[in-house]
Amino acid sequence: MNVHIDIERIVLDGLPLAPGEEARFRAALELELARRVAAHGLGAEALRGGALASLPPQPMSFPSGSTPAQLGRGVAAAIHQSLQPGAGRAEARPASTPGGSR
């Protein structure tokens, strides 16, 4: 089974990323999210497909001096948790079709 997760926008208030660290953060997030989905799967609701307007916030804390890779892995864990059953998110809506609107 192939799973495609597209994150259009992510809002991270107070995340200590210096200019130029975004690429390392993004790479770590993508790798860790893929690893978690492969190892633990997703809830049935998430596997039905569709688009989610947002995910519920998950508590996160990072020690001072965390690297971009550590931050990316932590955020990936929170995203994966939000995609599990009972995470309190809004209902999925069907994904838009090519040329359609969201």
C-alpha atoms as a PDB file:
ATOM      1  CA  MET A   1       0.000   0.000   0.000  1.00  0.00           C
ATOM      2  CA  ASN A   2       1.281   3.454  -0.864  1.00  0.00           C
ATOM      3  CA  VAL A   3       0.490   6.374   1.392  1.00  0.00           C
ATOM      4  CA  HIS A   4       0.985   9.977   0.306  1.00  0.00           C
ATOM      5  CA  ILE A   5       0.946  12.729   2.918  1.00  0.00           C
ATOM      6  CA  ASP A   6       1.107  16.288   1.640  1.00  0.00           C
ATOM      7  CA  ILE A   7       1.601  19.015   4.229  1.00  0.00           C
ATOM      8  CA  GLU A   8       0.765  22.364   2.667  1.00  0.00           C
ATOM      9  CA  ARG A   9       1.592  24.482   5.679  1.00  0.00           C
ATOM     10  CA  ILE A  10       2.916  23.934   9.158  1.00  0.00           C
ATOM     11  CA  VAL A  11       2.798  26.564  11.896  1.00  0.00           C
ATOM     12  CA  LEU A  12       5.389  26.185  14.632  1.00  0.00           C
ATOM     13  CA  ASP A  13       5.328  29.029  17.113  1.00  0.00           C
ATOM     14  CA  GLY A  14       8.487  29.382  19.124  1.00  0.00           C
ATOM     15  CA  LEU A  15      10.473  26.683  17.354  1.00  0.00           C
ATOM     16  CA  PRO A  16      14.127  27.747  17.562  1.00  0.00           C
ATOM     17  CA  LEU A  17      15.229  27.352  13.944  1.00  0.00           C
ATOM     18  CA  ALA A  18      17.944  29.653  12.706  1.00  0.00           C
ATOM     19  CA  PRO A  19      17.977  30.833   9.101  1.00  0.00           C
ATOM     20  CA  GLY A  20      19.197  28.024   6.870  1.00  0.00           C
ATOM     21  CA  GLU A  21      18.116  25.222   9.226  1.00  0.00           C
ATOM     22  CA  GLU A  22      14.731  24.677   7.589  1.00  0.00           C
ATOM     23  CA  ALA A  23      16.040  22.127   5.066  1.00  0.00           C
ATOM     24  CA  ARG A  24      17.546  19.907   7.785  1.00  0.00           C
ATOM     25  CA  PHE A  25      14.351  20.231   9.836  1.00  0.00           C
ATOM     26  CA  ARG A  26      12.177  19.330   6.817  1.00  0.00           C
ATOM     27  CA  ALA A  27      14.339  16.337   5.864  1.00  0.00           C
ATOM     28  CA  ALA A  28      14.239  14.947   9.409  1.00  0.00           C
ATOM     29  CA  LEU A  29      10.468  15.473   9.614  1.00  0.00           C
ATOM     30  CA  GLU A  30       9.877  13.645   6.319  1.00  0.00           C
ATOM     31  CA  LEU A  31      12.150  10.725   7.211  1.00  0.00           C
ATOM     32  CA  GLU A  32      10.688  10.280  10.691  1.00  0.00           C
ATOM     33  CA  LEU A  33       7.082  10.565   9.528  1.00  0.00           C
ATOM     34  CA  ALA A  34       7.731   7.959   6.817  1.00  0.00           C
ATOM     35  CA  ARG A  35       9.422   5.694   9.366  1.00  0.00           C
ATOM     36  CA  ARG A  36       6.517   5.981  11.809  1.00  0.00           C
ATOM     37  CA  VAL A  37       3.880   5.337   9.141  1.00  0.00           C
ATOM     38  CA  ALA A  38       5.827   2.288   7.904  1.00  0.00           C
ATOM     39  CA  ALA A  39       6.332   0.933  11.428  1.00  0.00           C
ATOM     40  CA  HIS A  40       2.999   1.814  13.048  1.00  0.00           C
ATOM     41  CA  GLY A  41       0.631   2.600  10.190  1.00  0.00           C
ATOM     42  CA  LEU A  42      -2.198   5.086  10.311  1.00  0.00           C
ATOM     43  CA  GLY A  43      -5.698   4.976  11.686  1.00  0.00           C
ATOM     44  CA  ALA A  44      -8.482   3.722   9.414  1.00  0.00           C
ATOM     45  CA  GLU A  45      -9.916   7.219   9.052  1.00  0.00           C
ATOM     46  CA  ALA A  46      -6.619   8.572   7.736  1.00  0.00           C
ATOM     47  CA  LEU A  47      -6.256   5.621   5.356  1.00  0.00           C
ATOM     48  CA  ARG A  48      -9.648   6.330   3.752  1.00  0.00           C
ATOM     49  CA  GLY A  49      -8.061   9.311   2.069  1.00  0.00           C
ATOM     50  CA  GLY A  50      -9.214  12.832   1.686  1.00  0.00           C
ATOM     51  CA  ALA A  51      -7.874  16.100   2.942  1.00  0.00           C
ATOM     52  CA  LEU A  52      -7.794  17.455   6.459  1.00  0.00           C
ATOM     53  CA  ALA A  53      -8.153  21.182   6.977  1.00  0.00           C
ATOM     54  CA  SER A  54      -5.988  20.954  10.080  1.00  0.00           C
ATOM     55  CA  LEU A  55      -4.710  18.593  12.735  1.00  0.00           C
ATOM     56  CA  PRO A  56      -5.224  19.066  16.451  1.00  0.00           C
ATOM     57  CA  PRO A  57      -2.186  20.458  18.210  1.00  0.00           C
ATOM     58  CA  GLN A  58      -0.113  17.962  20.140  1.00  0.00           C
ATOM     59  CA  PRO A  59       1.966  18.929  23.151  1.00  0.00           C
ATOM     60  CA  MET A  60       5.642  19.210  22.326  1.00  0.00           C
ATOM     61  CA  SER A  61       8.652  20.335  24.279  1.00  0.00           C
ATOM     62  CA  PHE A  62      12.248  20.395  23.219  1.00  0.00           C
ATOM     63  CA  PRO A  63      15.344  20.861  25.339  1.00  0.00           C
ATOM     64  CA  SER A  64      17.379  23.966  24.761  1.00  0.00           C
ATOM     65  CA  GLY A  65      19.947  23.422  22.040  1.00  0.00           C
ATOM     66  CA  SER A  66      17.911  20.823  20.115  1.00  0.00           C
ATOM     67  CA  THR A  67      19.216  20.297  16.593  1.00  0.00           C
ATOM     68  CA  PRO A  68      17.018  20.790  13.515  1.00  0.00           C
ATOM     69  CA  ALA A  69      16.976  16.981  13.119  1.00  0.00           C
ATOM     70  CA  GLN A  70      15.744  16.501  16.696  1.00  0.00           C
ATOM     71  CA  LEU A  71      13.079  19.141  16.184  1.00  0.00           C
ATOM     72  CA  GLY A  72      11.981  17.547  12.896  1.00  0.00           C
ATOM     73  CA  ARG A  73      11.690  14.105  14.496  1.00  0.00           C
ATOM     74  CA  GLY A  74       9.666  15.526  17.385  1.00  0.00           C
ATOM     75  CA  VAL A  75       7.252  17.362  15.110  1.00  0.00           C
ATOM     76  CA  ALA A  76       6.892  14.214  12.946  1.00  0.00           C
ATOM     77  CA  ALA A  77       5.952  12.244  16.065  1.00  0.00           C
ATOM     78  CA  ALA A  78       3.281  14.827  16.905  1.00  0.00           C
ATOM     79  CA  ILE A  79       1.881  14.759  13.348  1.00  0.00           C
ATOM     80  CA  HIS A  80       1.778  10.962  13.360  1.00  0.00           C
ATOM     81  CA  GLN A  81      -0.015  11.013  16.719  1.00  0.00           C
ATOM     82  CA  SER A  82      -2.582  13.450  15.284  1.00  0.00           C
ATOM     83  CA  LEU A  83      -3.321  10.998  12.463  1.00  0.00           C
ATOM     84  CA  GLN A  84      -4.160   8.167  14.878  1.00  0.00           C
ATOM     85  CA  PRO A  85      -7.707   7.203  15.919  1.00  0.00           C
ATOM     86  CA  GLY A  86      -9.215   9.403  18.597  1.00  0.00           C
ATOM     87  CA  ALA A  87      -6.846  12.309  18.024  1.00  0.00           C
ATOM     88  CA  GLY A  88      -9.816  14.701  17.962  1.00  0.00           C
ATOM     89  CA  ARG A  89      -9.382  16.022  14.463  1.00  0.00           C
ATOM     90  CA  ALA A  90     -12.028  17.268  12.077  1.00  0.00           C
ATOM     91  CA  GLU A  91     -13.618  14.914   9.592  1.00  0.00           C
ATOM     92  CA  ALA A  92     -11.697  14.310   6.403  1.00  0.00           C
ATOM     93  CA  ARG A  93     -13.124  15.767   3.239  1.00  0.00           C
ATOM     94  CA  PRO A  94     -12.553  14.235  -0.183  1.00  0.00           C
ATOM     95  CA  ALA A  95      -9.296  15.251  -1.802  1.00  0.00           C
ATOM     96  CA  SER A  96      -9.612  17.679  -4.648  1.00  0.00           C
ATOM     97  CA  THR A  97      -9.331  16.388  -8.157  1.00  0.00           C
ATOM     98  CA  PRO A  98      -6.748  17.718 -10.599  1.00  0.00           C
ATOM     99  CA  GLY A  99      -7.899  21.090 -11.802  1.00  0.00           C
ATOM    100  CA  GLY A 100     -10.461  21.287  -9.005  1.00  0.00           C
ATOM    101  CA  SER A 101     -10.436  23.467  -5.957  1.00  0.00           C
ATOM    102  CA  ARG A 102      -9.777  22.583  -2.354  1.00  0.00           C
END
